[in-house]
Amino acid sequence: MKKSRHFGLVILICFLTVGMGNMGESGVIDIPEPEKNYTATLVDQTDVSIDLEKFSFEGRTYFIGKLGRAEISIDFGKIDSVLFILQNDHVKAKINLKDGKALEILIDKGKNCYGISSFGNVRIEVQDIKKITLHGCEKGQSLQNNADQ
C-alpha cells in the first residue's frame, strides 16, 4: 500500500514538473527584417502604448486582408492609423488613410505584428491590438540601404 502511494506521488511530481517546462515562452523574440524602417505607436487591448521601430505585419510593410471577397494589401506609406476590432475568427481593421479616405478590411486574428522598442523586441497578435498609428519611414530609405552605409 505504501509503495503504491510513493509511486503515485512520484508520477504526480513528474507530471507537474514536466508540465511546467518553459510555460509557453519561447525565449528571445526574433524580429523579421522589414524592407523599410517604419516607426509606429501601438496600443494594445489593455491600453498599454509602445513606440516601435522596424514595425511590420508578418515581416512585411503592408497589411493584407479581405475587402469583401477580394484580398487586398495596403502599404504602410498610405496609412495614417488602424483601429482593430475582434470579430469571431477575424479582426476588423478600420484603416484611416493619409489622403483622408477610410476602409475596413478583415485580417486573420492569429497574424502577428513585430517591432523593436527601446526596451526590447515586440511580437503581438492583431487580435490583441487596439490601435496602431504609423509615423512614417526614414525618408523612404530601405533597411538594406542603411546597412550598406
N, C-alpha and C. Protein backbone atom coordinates (compact mmCIF):
# COMPACT_ATOMS: atom_id res chain seq x y z
N MET A 1 0.83 -1.19 0.00
CA MET A 1 0.00 0.00 0.00
C MET A 1 0.87 1.25 0.00
N LYS A 2 1.94 1.29 0.84
CA LYS A 2 2.83 2.44 0.90
C LYS A 2 3.59 2.60 -0.41
N LYS A 3 3.96 1.48 -1.03
CA LYS A 3 4.69 1.55 -2.30
C LYS A 3 3.84 2.19 -3.39
N SER A 4 2.57 1.88 -3.43
CA SER A 4 1.70 2.46 -4.47
C SER A 4 1.50 3.95 -4.23
N ARG A 5 1.45 4.39 -2.97
CA ARG A 5 1.34 5.81 -2.66
C ARG A 5 2.59 6.56 -3.11
N HIS A 6 3.74 6.01 -2.81
CA HIS A 6 5.01 6.64 -3.20
C HIS A 6 5.12 6.69 -4.72
N PHE A 7 4.75 5.59 -5.37
CA PHE A 7 4.81 5.55 -6.83
C PHE A 7 3.86 6.59 -7.43
N GLY A 8 2.67 6.69 -6.88
CA GLY A 8 1.70 7.68 -7.34
C GLY A 8 2.20 9.10 -7.13
N LEU A 9 2.83 9.34 -5.98
CA LEU A 9 3.38 10.66 -5.67
C LEU A 9 4.52 11.01 -6.64
N VAL A 10 5.38 10.05 -6.93
CA VAL A 10 6.48 10.27 -7.88
C VAL A 10 5.92 10.59 -9.26
N ILE A 11 4.91 9.84 -9.70
CA ILE A 11 4.30 10.09 -11.01
C ILE A 11 3.67 11.49 -11.04
N LEU A 12 2.98 11.87 -9.99
CA LEU A 12 2.36 13.19 -9.92
C LEU A 12 3.41 14.30 -9.99
N ILE A 13 4.49 14.15 -9.27
CA ILE A 13 5.57 15.15 -9.29
C ILE A 13 6.18 15.24 -10.68
N CYS A 14 6.37 14.10 -11.34
CA CYS A 14 6.91 14.10 -12.71
C CYS A 14 6.00 14.86 -13.66
N PHE A 15 4.70 14.61 -13.59
CA PHE A 15 3.77 15.32 -14.47
C PHE A 15 3.78 16.82 -14.21
N LEU A 16 3.83 17.20 -12.94
CA LEU A 16 3.82 18.62 -12.61
C LEU A 16 5.09 19.32 -13.07
N THR A 17 6.24 18.71 -12.87
CA THR A 17 7.48 19.36 -13.27
C THR A 17 7.65 19.38 -14.78
N VAL A 18 7.25 18.34 -15.47
CA VAL A 18 7.34 18.32 -16.93
C VAL A 18 6.34 19.30 -17.51
N GLY A 19 5.17 19.40 -16.94
CA GLY A 19 4.15 20.30 -17.43
C GLY A 19 4.52 21.76 -17.27
N MET A 20 5.34 22.10 -16.29
CA MET A 20 5.74 23.48 -16.09
C MET A 20 6.67 23.93 -17.21
N GLY A 21 7.61 23.13 -17.57
CA GLY A 21 8.52 23.42 -18.68
C GLY A 21 8.91 24.88 -18.76
N ASN A 22 8.76 25.48 -19.96
CA ASN A 22 9.09 26.89 -20.11
C ASN A 22 7.85 27.76 -20.10
N MET A 23 6.72 27.18 -19.72
CA MET A 23 5.46 27.90 -19.54
C MET A 23 5.04 28.64 -20.81
N GLY A 24 5.34 28.09 -21.97
CA GLY A 24 4.88 28.67 -23.21
C GLY A 24 5.77 29.78 -23.76
N GLU A 25 6.77 30.18 -23.05
CA GLU A 25 7.69 31.21 -23.52
C GLU A 25 8.71 30.58 -24.44
N SER A 26 9.02 31.24 -25.53
CA SER A 26 9.96 30.67 -26.48
C SER A 26 11.31 31.35 -26.41
N GLY A 27 11.56 32.18 -25.42
CA GLY A 27 12.86 32.82 -25.29
C GLY A 27 12.90 34.13 -26.04
N VAL A 28 13.98 34.36 -26.75
CA VAL A 28 14.18 35.61 -27.48
C VAL A 28 13.20 35.71 -28.65
N ILE A 29 12.62 36.86 -28.82
CA ILE A 29 11.69 37.10 -29.93
C ILE A 29 12.50 37.55 -31.13
N ASP A 30 12.44 36.77 -32.20
CA ASP A 30 13.11 37.13 -33.44
C ASP A 30 12.22 38.07 -34.23
N ILE A 31 12.79 39.19 -34.64
CA ILE A 31 12.06 40.19 -35.41
C ILE A 31 12.43 40.03 -36.87
N PRO A 32 11.44 39.83 -37.74
CA PRO A 32 11.76 39.78 -39.17
C PRO A 32 12.29 41.13 -39.63
N GLU A 33 13.21 41.11 -40.56
CA GLU A 33 13.81 42.36 -41.07
C GLU A 33 12.93 42.92 -42.19
N PRO A 34 12.15 43.98 -41.90
CA PRO A 34 11.27 44.53 -42.95
C PRO A 34 12.08 45.27 -44.01
N GLU A 35 11.45 45.46 -45.16
CA GLU A 35 12.09 46.15 -46.27
C GLU A 35 12.42 47.60 -45.94
N LYS A 36 11.53 48.26 -45.18
CA LYS A 36 11.72 49.65 -44.78
C LYS A 36 11.56 49.78 -43.28
N ASN A 37 12.16 50.82 -42.71
CA ASN A 37 12.10 51.03 -41.27
C ASN A 37 10.97 51.99 -40.91
N TYR A 38 9.76 51.44 -40.72
CA TYR A 38 8.63 52.25 -40.29
C TYR A 38 8.61 52.35 -38.78
N THR A 39 8.24 53.54 -38.29
CA THR A 39 8.03 53.73 -36.86
C THR A 39 6.53 53.80 -36.62
N ALA A 40 6.12 53.32 -35.46
CA ALA A 40 4.70 53.27 -35.14
C ALA A 40 4.50 53.33 -33.64
N THR A 41 3.31 53.76 -33.25
CA THR A 41 2.88 53.66 -31.86
C THR A 41 1.76 52.64 -31.83
N LEU A 42 1.92 51.63 -31.02
CA LEU A 42 0.95 50.54 -30.90
C LEU A 42 0.29 50.62 -29.54
N VAL A 43 -1.02 50.52 -29.50
CA VAL A 43 -1.78 50.46 -28.25
C VAL A 43 -2.48 49.12 -28.22
N ASP A 44 -2.24 48.34 -27.14
CA ASP A 44 -2.88 47.02 -27.06
C ASP A 44 -4.25 47.12 -26.41
N GLN A 45 -4.93 45.99 -26.28
CA GLN A 45 -6.30 45.96 -25.74
C GLN A 45 -6.37 46.36 -24.27
N THR A 46 -5.22 46.42 -23.59
CA THR A 46 -5.22 46.86 -22.19
C THR A 46 -4.76 48.31 -22.07
N ASP A 47 -4.71 49.02 -23.20
CA ASP A 47 -4.31 50.43 -23.28
C ASP A 47 -2.84 50.68 -22.96
N VAL A 48 -2.00 49.68 -23.10
CA VAL A 48 -0.56 49.86 -22.98
C VAL A 48 -0.05 50.35 -24.33
N SER A 49 0.71 51.44 -24.32
CA SER A 49 1.22 52.05 -25.54
C SER A 49 2.72 51.79 -25.66
N ILE A 50 3.16 51.41 -26.88
CA ILE A 50 4.57 51.10 -27.13
C ILE A 50 4.99 51.79 -28.43
N ASP A 51 6.09 52.54 -28.39
CA ASP A 51 6.68 53.12 -29.60
C ASP A 51 7.62 52.09 -30.20
N LEU A 52 7.49 51.86 -31.52
CA LEU A 52 8.25 50.81 -32.19
C LEU A 52 8.98 51.32 -33.41
N GLU A 53 10.12 50.72 -33.68
CA GLU A 53 10.85 50.88 -34.93
C GLU A 53 10.84 49.54 -35.64
N LYS A 54 11.19 49.53 -36.91
CA LYS A 54 11.19 48.31 -37.72
C LYS A 54 9.84 47.59 -37.61
N PHE A 55 8.78 48.40 -37.56
CA PHE A 55 7.43 47.85 -37.43
C PHE A 55 7.05 47.09 -38.70
N SER A 56 6.44 45.93 -38.52
CA SER A 56 5.99 45.13 -39.66
C SER A 56 4.77 44.30 -39.31
N PHE A 57 4.08 43.89 -40.35
CA PHE A 57 2.96 42.96 -40.24
C PHE A 57 3.43 41.66 -40.90
N GLU A 58 3.65 40.64 -40.10
CA GLU A 58 4.16 39.37 -40.60
C GLU A 58 5.47 39.56 -41.38
N GLY A 59 6.28 40.55 -40.98
CA GLY A 59 7.55 40.82 -41.63
C GLY A 59 7.45 41.70 -42.86
N ARG A 60 6.24 42.14 -43.19
CA ARG A 60 6.01 42.96 -44.39
C ARG A 60 5.64 44.39 -43.98
N THR A 61 5.80 45.32 -44.92
CA THR A 61 5.45 46.71 -44.63
C THR A 61 4.13 47.09 -45.29
N TYR A 62 3.20 46.18 -45.22
CA TYR A 62 1.83 46.40 -45.69
C TYR A 62 0.91 45.43 -44.96
N PHE A 63 -0.36 45.82 -44.83
CA PHE A 63 -1.36 44.93 -44.24
C PHE A 63 -2.04 44.15 -45.36
N ILE A 64 -2.30 42.88 -45.11
CA ILE A 64 -3.02 42.03 -46.05
C ILE A 64 -4.32 41.60 -45.38
N GLY A 65 -5.43 41.73 -46.10
CA GLY A 65 -6.71 41.31 -45.57
C GLY A 65 -7.73 41.17 -46.67
N LYS A 66 -8.97 40.99 -46.27
CA LYS A 66 -10.08 40.82 -47.21
C LYS A 66 -10.91 42.10 -47.23
N LEU A 67 -11.18 42.56 -48.45
CA LEU A 67 -12.10 43.66 -48.69
C LEU A 67 -13.23 43.06 -49.50
N GLY A 68 -14.34 42.74 -48.82
CA GLY A 68 -15.40 41.96 -49.46
C GLY A 68 -14.85 40.57 -49.75
N ARG A 69 -14.92 40.16 -51.00
CA ARG A 69 -14.41 38.84 -51.40
C ARG A 69 -12.98 38.91 -51.94
N ALA A 70 -12.47 40.14 -52.11
CA ALA A 70 -11.13 40.33 -52.67
C ALA A 70 -10.08 40.36 -51.57
N GLU A 71 -8.89 39.88 -51.89
CA GLU A 71 -7.75 40.01 -50.99
C GLU A 71 -7.02 41.29 -51.39
N ILE A 72 -6.60 42.06 -50.39
CA ILE A 72 -6.01 43.38 -50.65
C ILE A 72 -4.78 43.58 -49.78
N SER A 73 -3.82 44.32 -50.30
CA SER A 73 -2.67 44.72 -49.50
C SER A 73 -2.58 46.24 -49.52
N ILE A 74 -2.33 46.83 -48.36
CA ILE A 74 -2.27 48.29 -48.24
C ILE A 74 -0.91 48.66 -47.64
N ASP A 75 -0.12 49.39 -48.40
CA ASP A 75 1.22 49.78 -47.99
C ASP A 75 1.18 50.73 -46.79
N PHE A 76 2.11 50.55 -45.86
CA PHE A 76 2.17 51.40 -44.67
C PHE A 76 2.32 52.88 -45.04
N GLY A 77 2.96 53.17 -46.17
CA GLY A 77 3.16 54.56 -46.58
C GLY A 77 1.87 55.30 -46.84
N LYS A 78 0.78 54.58 -47.08
CA LYS A 78 -0.53 55.19 -47.34
C LYS A 78 -1.40 55.29 -46.09
N ILE A 79 -0.94 54.68 -44.98
CA ILE A 79 -1.78 54.55 -43.78
C ILE A 79 -1.40 55.57 -42.72
N ASP A 80 -2.43 56.20 -42.15
CA ASP A 80 -2.24 57.09 -41.01
C ASP A 80 -2.40 56.31 -39.70
N SER A 81 -3.54 55.58 -39.57
CA SER A 81 -3.79 54.81 -38.36
C SER A 81 -4.74 53.65 -38.66
N VAL A 82 -4.73 52.67 -37.75
CA VAL A 82 -5.59 51.50 -37.89
C VAL A 82 -6.20 51.19 -36.54
N LEU A 83 -7.52 50.99 -36.52
CA LEU A 83 -8.25 50.60 -35.32
C LEU A 83 -8.68 49.15 -35.51
N PHE A 84 -8.44 48.28 -34.52
CA PHE A 84 -8.73 46.85 -34.63
C PHE A 84 -9.90 46.46 -33.74
N ILE A 85 -10.83 45.67 -34.31
CA ILE A 85 -12.00 45.19 -33.57
C ILE A 85 -12.12 43.69 -33.80
N LEU A 86 -12.08 42.90 -32.72
CA LEU A 86 -12.16 41.44 -32.82
C LEU A 86 -13.56 40.99 -33.21
N GLN A 87 -13.64 40.12 -34.25
CA GLN A 87 -14.91 39.56 -34.72
C GLN A 87 -14.71 38.09 -35.06
N ASN A 88 -15.15 37.19 -34.20
CA ASN A 88 -15.06 35.75 -34.43
C ASN A 88 -13.65 35.31 -34.81
N ASP A 89 -13.47 34.79 -36.04
CA ASP A 89 -12.17 34.27 -36.48
C ASP A 89 -11.30 35.34 -37.12
N HIS A 90 -11.81 36.55 -37.21
CA HIS A 90 -11.08 37.62 -37.88
C HIS A 90 -11.05 38.87 -37.00
N VAL A 91 -10.24 39.81 -37.45
CA VAL A 91 -10.19 41.13 -36.83
C VAL A 91 -10.57 42.13 -37.90
N LYS A 92 -11.53 43.00 -37.57
CA LYS A 92 -11.87 44.08 -38.50
C LYS A 92 -10.85 45.19 -38.28
N ALA A 93 -10.17 45.58 -39.35
CA ALA A 93 -9.20 46.66 -39.29
C ALA A 93 -9.79 47.88 -39.99
N LYS A 94 -10.09 48.91 -39.20
CA LYS A 94 -10.59 50.17 -39.76
C LYS A 94 -9.37 51.03 -40.06
N ILE A 95 -9.07 51.18 -41.35
CA ILE A 95 -7.84 51.84 -41.78
C ILE A 95 -8.14 53.27 -42.23
N ASN A 96 -7.48 54.23 -41.59
CA ASN A 96 -7.57 55.63 -41.97
C ASN A 96 -6.35 55.95 -42.82
N LEU A 97 -6.59 56.30 -44.08
CA LEU A 97 -5.51 56.60 -45.00
C LEU A 97 -5.05 58.05 -44.88
N LYS A 98 -3.84 58.31 -45.31
CA LYS A 98 -3.29 59.67 -45.23
C LYS A 98 -4.04 60.65 -46.11
N ASP A 99 -4.70 60.16 -47.17
CA ASP A 99 -5.44 61.06 -48.06
C ASP A 99 -6.85 61.39 -47.54
N GLY A 100 -7.15 60.94 -46.31
CA GLY A 100 -8.44 61.24 -45.68
C GLY A 100 -9.49 60.17 -45.88
N LYS A 101 -9.26 59.24 -46.78
CA LYS A 101 -10.20 58.15 -47.01
C LYS A 101 -10.05 57.10 -45.91
N ALA A 102 -11.06 56.23 -45.80
CA ALA A 102 -11.04 55.15 -44.82
C ALA A 102 -11.64 53.90 -45.45
N LEU A 103 -11.20 52.75 -44.99
CA LEU A 103 -11.79 51.50 -45.42
C LEU A 103 -11.63 50.47 -44.32
N GLU A 104 -12.41 49.39 -44.42
CA GLU A 104 -12.36 48.31 -43.45
C GLU A 104 -11.99 47.03 -44.16
N ILE A 105 -11.01 46.32 -43.60
CA ILE A 105 -10.64 45.01 -44.12
C ILE A 105 -10.69 44.00 -42.99
N LEU A 106 -10.81 42.73 -43.33
CA LEU A 106 -10.76 41.66 -42.34
C LEU A 106 -9.39 41.00 -42.40
N ILE A 107 -8.77 40.82 -41.22
CA ILE A 107 -7.46 40.20 -41.09
C ILE A 107 -7.60 38.98 -40.20
N ASP A 108 -6.91 37.89 -40.53
CA ASP A 108 -6.90 36.70 -39.66
C ASP A 108 -6.37 37.09 -38.29
N LYS A 109 -7.08 36.69 -37.24
CA LYS A 109 -6.73 37.15 -35.89
C LYS A 109 -5.40 36.61 -35.37
N GLY A 110 -4.88 35.53 -35.94
CA GLY A 110 -3.62 34.96 -35.47
C GLY A 110 -2.38 35.56 -36.08
N LYS A 111 -2.54 36.53 -37.01
CA LYS A 111 -1.39 37.17 -37.64
C LYS A 111 -0.67 38.05 -36.64
N ASN A 112 0.64 38.23 -36.82
CA ASN A 112 1.47 38.98 -35.88
C ASN A 112 2.00 40.28 -36.45
N CYS A 113 2.15 41.25 -35.57
CA CYS A 113 2.90 42.46 -35.86
C CYS A 113 4.18 42.41 -35.03
N TYR A 114 5.24 42.98 -35.58
CA TYR A 114 6.54 42.96 -34.92
C TYR A 114 7.12 44.36 -34.88
N GLY A 115 8.03 44.57 -33.96
CA GLY A 115 8.76 45.82 -33.90
C GLY A 115 9.80 45.77 -32.80
N ILE A 116 10.60 46.83 -32.75
CA ILE A 116 11.63 46.94 -31.73
C ILE A 116 11.34 48.19 -30.92
N SER A 117 11.22 48.02 -29.61
CA SER A 117 11.00 49.16 -28.71
C SER A 117 12.34 49.52 -28.06
N SER A 118 12.34 50.56 -27.28
CA SER A 118 13.56 50.98 -26.59
C SER A 118 13.99 49.95 -25.54
N PHE A 119 13.08 49.07 -25.14
CA PHE A 119 13.40 48.09 -24.10
C PHE A 119 13.45 46.65 -24.58
N GLY A 120 13.11 46.39 -25.85
CA GLY A 120 13.20 45.01 -26.34
C GLY A 120 12.38 44.77 -27.59
N ASN A 121 12.47 43.54 -28.08
CA ASN A 121 11.72 43.12 -29.26
C ASN A 121 10.27 42.84 -28.89
N VAL A 122 9.36 43.14 -29.83
CA VAL A 122 7.93 43.00 -29.56
C VAL A 122 7.27 42.18 -30.66
N ARG A 123 6.45 41.22 -30.25
CA ARG A 123 5.59 40.46 -31.15
C ARG A 123 4.21 40.46 -30.53
N ILE A 124 3.19 40.78 -31.32
CA ILE A 124 1.83 40.81 -30.80
C ILE A 124 0.87 40.38 -31.89
N GLU A 125 -0.11 39.56 -31.52
CA GLU A 125 -1.13 39.13 -32.48
C GLU A 125 -2.10 40.29 -32.71
N VAL A 126 -2.61 40.40 -33.94
CA VAL A 126 -3.51 41.51 -34.26
C VAL A 126 -4.76 41.50 -33.38
N GLN A 127 -5.19 40.34 -32.91
CA GLN A 127 -6.36 40.28 -32.03
C GLN A 127 -6.12 40.98 -30.70
N ASP A 128 -4.86 41.20 -30.34
CA ASP A 128 -4.52 41.85 -29.07
C ASP A 128 -4.22 43.34 -29.23
N ILE A 129 -4.34 43.85 -30.44
CA ILE A 129 -4.04 45.25 -30.71
C ILE A 129 -5.34 46.06 -30.74
N LYS A 130 -5.29 47.23 -30.16
CA LYS A 130 -6.43 48.16 -30.22
C LYS A 130 -6.22 49.18 -31.34
N LYS A 131 -5.03 49.77 -31.41
CA LYS A 131 -4.78 50.82 -32.40
C LYS A 131 -3.30 50.88 -32.74
N ILE A 132 -3.04 51.22 -34.01
CA ILE A 132 -1.68 51.48 -34.48
C ILE A 132 -1.70 52.83 -35.18
N THR A 133 -0.75 53.67 -34.83
CA THR A 133 -0.53 54.93 -35.54
C THR A 133 0.83 54.83 -36.21
N LEU A 134 0.85 54.94 -37.54
CA LEU A 134 2.11 54.88 -38.27
C LEU A 134 2.68 56.29 -38.42
N HIS A 135 3.96 56.43 -38.11
CA HIS A 135 4.61 57.74 -38.15
C HIS A 135 5.43 57.94 -39.42
N GLY A 136 5.63 56.89 -40.17
CA GLY A 136 6.37 57.02 -41.42
C GLY A 136 7.65 56.22 -41.42
N CYS A 137 8.41 56.45 -42.48
CA CYS A 137 9.62 55.72 -42.75
C CYS A 137 10.78 56.71 -42.79
N GLU A 138 11.98 56.22 -42.54
CA GLU A 138 13.16 57.08 -42.58
C GLU A 138 13.42 57.56 -44.00
N LYS A 139 12.72 58.59 -44.42
CA LYS A 139 12.89 59.22 -45.73
C LYS A 139 12.88 58.23 -46.88
N GLY A 140 12.09 57.14 -46.72
CA GLY A 140 11.93 56.19 -47.80
C GLY A 140 13.13 55.29 -48.04
N GLN A 141 14.17 55.39 -47.21
CA GLN A 141 15.33 54.53 -47.40
C GLN A 141 15.01 53.14 -46.88
N SER A 142 15.44 52.16 -47.62
CA SER A 142 15.23 50.78 -47.16
C SER A 142 16.29 50.45 -46.13
N LEU A 143 16.02 49.43 -45.33
CA LEU A 143 16.97 48.98 -44.33
C LEU A 143 18.23 48.43 -44.99
N GLN A 144 18.09 47.84 -46.17
CA GLN A 144 19.25 47.32 -46.88
C GLN A 144 20.21 48.46 -47.22
N ASN A 145 19.66 49.59 -47.69
CA ASN A 145 20.49 50.75 -48.00
C ASN A 145 21.18 51.28 -46.76
N ASN A 146 20.48 51.30 -45.63
CA ASN A 146 21.08 51.76 -44.37
C ASN A 146 22.18 50.84 -43.93
N ALA A 147 22.03 49.53 -44.12
CA ALA A 147 23.04 48.56 -43.71
C ALA A 147 24.31 48.68 -44.54
N ASP A 148 24.15 49.10 -45.81
CA ASP A 148 25.30 49.22 -46.70
C ASP A 148 26.18 50.42 -46.37
N GLN A 149 25.61 51.41 -45.67
CA GLN A 149 26.38 52.64 -45.41
C GLN A 149 27.34 52.49 -44.27
